[in-house]
Amino acid sequence: GVVEQRSAIVRSTTHPSFNEIFSFFLPKENLNASRLSCGVWDYDSVTSDDLIGRLVVDLGEVDWTSRDSMWHDLVDPSVCALSGSVELTLLFTLPSTLLVTVHRVIDVK
């Protein structure tokens, strides 16, 4: 099933830093067939928030031996164009925990 978690809101910047860790229950046998989807939204106090970009990571293609952070491109789905980059660290711990650290976002358009 789909599990959604939200970061804190970082106001008035196109280069927000989060350094937040999100934990997901994910059985090891489901790891290679799963995907991580991440959306970045602007925050509007009066009008509705707008999707800036989205990224999808195929967890079956992740090098789980590396603990390094990786940059992932954000794509604006409305125009199919790059709209920024997100720095993530992914860690899987047995028996069934996916840890996602969202470090920062840069070059938000």
C-alpha atoms as a PDB file:
ATOM      1  CA  GLY A   1       0.000   0.000   0.000  1.00  0.00           C
ATOM      2  CA  VAL A   2       0.892   3.646  -0.231  1.00  0.00           C
ATOM      3  CA  VAL A   3       2.293   5.344   2.871  1.00  0.00           C
ATOM      4  CA  GLU A   4       2.596   9.127   2.879  1.00  0.00           C
ATOM      5  CA  GLN A   5       4.776  11.225   5.163  1.00  0.00           C
ATOM      6  CA  ARG A   6       5.391  14.974   5.118  1.00  0.00           C
ATOM      7  CA  SER A   7       8.410  17.063   5.987  1.00  0.00           C
ATOM      8  CA  ALA A   8       8.421  20.320   7.861  1.00  0.00           C
ATOM      9  CA  ILE A   9       7.647  23.466   5.855  1.00  0.00           C
ATOM     10  CA  VAL A  10      10.674  25.610   4.987  1.00  0.00           C
ATOM     11  CA  ARG A  11       9.546  29.097   4.042  1.00  0.00           C
ATOM     12  CA  SER A  12      10.925  31.729   1.670  1.00  0.00           C
ATOM     13  CA  THR A  13      13.718  29.819  -0.074  1.00  0.00           C
ATOM     14  CA  THR A  14      14.374  27.963  -3.307  1.00  0.00           C
ATOM     15  CA  HIS A  15      17.121  25.914  -1.566  1.00  0.00           C
ATOM     16  CA  PRO A  16      15.443  24.460   1.545  1.00  0.00           C
ATOM     17  CA  SER A  17      17.355  22.210   3.950  1.00  0.00           C
ATOM     18  CA  PHE A  18      15.381  19.530   5.765  1.00  0.00           C
ATOM     19  CA  ASN A  19      17.722  16.877   7.205  1.00  0.00           C
ATOM     20  CA  GLU A  20      14.689  14.815   8.166  1.00  0.00           C
ATOM     21  CA  ILE A  21      14.597  11.038   8.426  1.00  0.00           C
ATOM     22  CA  PHE A  22      11.475   9.123   7.435  1.00  0.00           C
ATOM     23  CA  SER A  23      10.971   5.485   8.383  1.00  0.00           C
ATOM     24  CA  PHE A  24       8.850   3.069   6.351  1.00  0.00           C
ATOM     25  CA  PHE A  25       7.900  -0.532   7.047  1.00  0.00           C
ATOM     26  CA  LEU A  26       8.956  -2.548   3.994  1.00  0.00           C
ATOM     27  CA  PRO A  27       9.510  -6.318   4.097  1.00  0.00           C
ATOM     28  CA  LYS A  28      12.821  -7.341   2.495  1.00  0.00           C
ATOM     29  CA  GLU A  29      11.040  -9.603   0.012  1.00  0.00           C
ATOM     30  CA  ASN A  30       9.176  -6.543  -1.351  1.00  0.00           C
ATOM     31  CA  LEU A  31      12.234  -4.277  -1.596  1.00  0.00           C
ATOM     32  CA  ASN A  32      13.223  -4.963  -5.218  1.00  0.00           C
ATOM     33  CA  ALA A  33       9.680  -4.514  -6.512  1.00  0.00           C
ATOM     34  CA  SER A  34       9.026  -1.234  -4.645  1.00  0.00           C
ATOM     35  CA  ARG A  35       9.404   2.407  -5.605  1.00  0.00           C
ATOM     36  CA  LEU A  36       9.894   5.539  -3.541  1.00  0.00           C
ATOM     37  CA  SER A  37       7.941   8.532  -4.813  1.00  0.00           C
ATOM     38  CA  CYS A  38       8.782  11.985  -3.502  1.00  0.00           C
ATOM     39  CA  GLY A  39       6.952  15.226  -4.277  1.00  0.00           C
ATOM     40  CA  VAL A  40       8.083  18.768  -3.544  1.00  0.00           C
ATOM     41  CA  TRP A  41       5.337  21.328  -3.055  1.00  0.00           C
ATOM     42  CA  ASP A  42       5.348  25.066  -2.576  1.00  0.00           C
ATOM     43  CA  TYR A  43       3.540  26.409   0.459  1.00  0.00           C
ATOM     44  CA  ASP A  44       0.780  28.964   0.012  1.00  0.00           C
ATOM     45  CA  SER A  45      -0.989  30.294   3.082  1.00  0.00           C
ATOM     46  CA  VAL A  46      -3.989  31.625   1.122  1.00  0.00           C
ATOM     47  CA  THR A  47      -4.267  29.535  -2.050  1.00  0.00           C
ATOM     48  CA  SER A  48      -3.716  25.809  -2.531  1.00  0.00           C
ATOM     49  CA  ASP A  49      -0.160  24.449  -2.584  1.00  0.00           C
ATOM     50  CA  ASP A  50       1.347  23.651  -5.997  1.00  0.00           C
ATOM     51  CA  LEU A  51       3.402  20.606  -6.982  1.00  0.00           C
ATOM     52  CA  ILE A  52       6.866  21.838  -7.983  1.00  0.00           C
ATOM     53  CA  GLY A  53       8.259  18.464  -8.956  1.00  0.00           C
ATOM     54  CA  ARG A  54       8.310  14.746  -8.341  1.00  0.00           C
ATOM     55  CA  LEU A  55      10.933  12.025  -8.326  1.00  0.00           C
ATOM     56  CA  VAL A  56      10.600   8.263  -8.332  1.00  0.00           C
ATOM     57  CA  VAL A  57      13.350   5.882  -7.179  1.00  0.00           C
ATOM     58  CA  ASP A  58      13.123   2.234  -8.207  1.00  0.00           C
ATOM     59  CA  LEU A  59      14.345   0.533  -5.009  1.00  0.00           C
ATOM     60  CA  GLY A  60      15.393  -2.539  -6.984  1.00  0.00           C
ATOM     61  CA  GLU A  61      18.107  -0.421  -8.642  1.00  0.00           C
ATOM     62  CA  VAL A  62      19.590   1.092  -5.456  1.00  0.00           C
ATOM     63  CA  ASP A  63      23.129   0.163  -4.378  1.00  0.00           C
ATOM     64  CA  TRP A  64      22.345  -0.787  -0.773  1.00  0.00           C
ATOM     65  CA  THR A  65      26.059  -1.171   0.059  1.00  0.00           C
ATOM     66  CA  SER A  66      26.529   2.602  -0.283  1.00  0.00           C
ATOM     67  CA  ARG A  67      25.582   4.946   2.522  1.00  0.00           C
ATOM     68  CA  ASP A  68      26.348   8.046   0.468  1.00  0.00           C
ATOM     69  CA  SER A  69      23.683  10.594  -0.301  1.00  0.00           C
ATOM     70  CA  MET A  70      22.596  10.878  -3.930  1.00  0.00           C
ATOM     71  CA  TRP A  71      21.079  13.694  -5.944  1.00  0.00           C
ATOM     72  CA  HIS A  72      17.805  12.994  -7.745  1.00  0.00           C
ATOM     73  CA  ASP A  73      16.203  15.229 -10.355  1.00  0.00           C
ATOM     74  CA  LEU A  74      12.764  16.655  -9.725  1.00  0.00           C
ATOM     75  CA  VAL A  75      10.499  16.652 -12.755  1.00  0.00           C
ATOM     76  CA  ASP A  76       7.544  19.005 -13.091  1.00  0.00           C
ATOM     77  CA  PRO A  77       4.831  16.645 -14.366  1.00  0.00           C
ATOM     78  CA  SER A  78       2.777  19.463 -15.909  1.00  0.00           C
ATOM     79  CA  VAL A  79       5.523  20.335 -18.430  1.00  0.00           C
ATOM     80  CA  CYS A  80       7.821  17.256 -18.235  1.00  0.00           C
ATOM     81  CA  ALA A  81      10.799  19.479 -17.409  1.00  0.00           C
ATOM     82  CA  LEU A  82      13.426  19.535 -14.651  1.00  0.00           C
ATOM     83  CA  SER A  83      12.338  21.657 -11.712  1.00  0.00           C
ATOM     84  CA  GLY A  84      15.168  21.128  -9.186  1.00  0.00           C
ATOM     85  CA  SER A  85      17.147  18.423  -7.395  1.00  0.00           C
ATOM     86  CA  VAL A  86      16.729  16.579  -4.101  1.00  0.00           C
ATOM     87  CA  GLU A  87      19.557  15.102  -2.008  1.00  0.00           C
ATOM     88  CA  LEU A  88      18.510  11.801  -0.398  1.00  0.00           C
ATOM     89  CA  THR A  89      20.152   9.014   1.561  1.00  0.00           C
ATOM     90  CA  LEU A  90      18.449   5.619   1.449  1.00  0.00           C
ATOM     91  CA  LEU A  91      19.176   2.878   3.982  1.00  0.00           C
ATOM     92  CA  PHE A  92      17.485  -0.483   4.397  1.00  0.00           C
ATOM     93  CA  THR A  93      17.829  -2.237   7.742  1.00  0.00           C
ATOM     94  CA  LEU A  94      16.758  -5.793   8.409  1.00  0.00           C
ATOM     95  CA  PRO A  95      14.241  -7.111   8.842  1.00  0.00           C
ATOM     96  CA  SER A  96      11.937  -4.508   7.280  1.00  0.00           C
ATOM     97  CA  THR A  97      12.799  -0.818   7.648  1.00  0.00           C
ATOM     98  CA  LEU A  98      13.465   1.657   4.858  1.00  0.00           C
ATOM     99  CA  LEU A  99      15.035   4.874   6.141  1.00  0.00           C
ATOM    100  CA  VAL A 100      14.880   7.892   3.843  1.00  0.00           C
ATOM    101  CA  THR A 101      16.852  10.992   4.785  1.00  0.00           C
ATOM    102  CA  VAL A 102      15.796  14.101   2.896  1.00  0.00           C
ATOM    103  CA  HIS A 103      18.754  16.467   3.151  1.00  0.00           C
ATOM    104  CA  ARG A 104      17.989  19.410   0.908  1.00  0.00           C
ATOM    105  CA  VAL A 105      16.470  20.659  -2.316  1.00  0.00           C
ATOM    106  CA  ILE A 106      18.278  22.963  -4.744  1.00  0.00           C
ATOM    107  CA  ASP A 107      17.521  24.904  -7.921  1.00  0.00           C
ATOM    108  CA  VAL A 108      13.749  24.886  -7.415  1.00  0.00           C
ATOM    109  CA  LYS A 109      12.088  26.505 -10.396  1.00  0.00           C
END
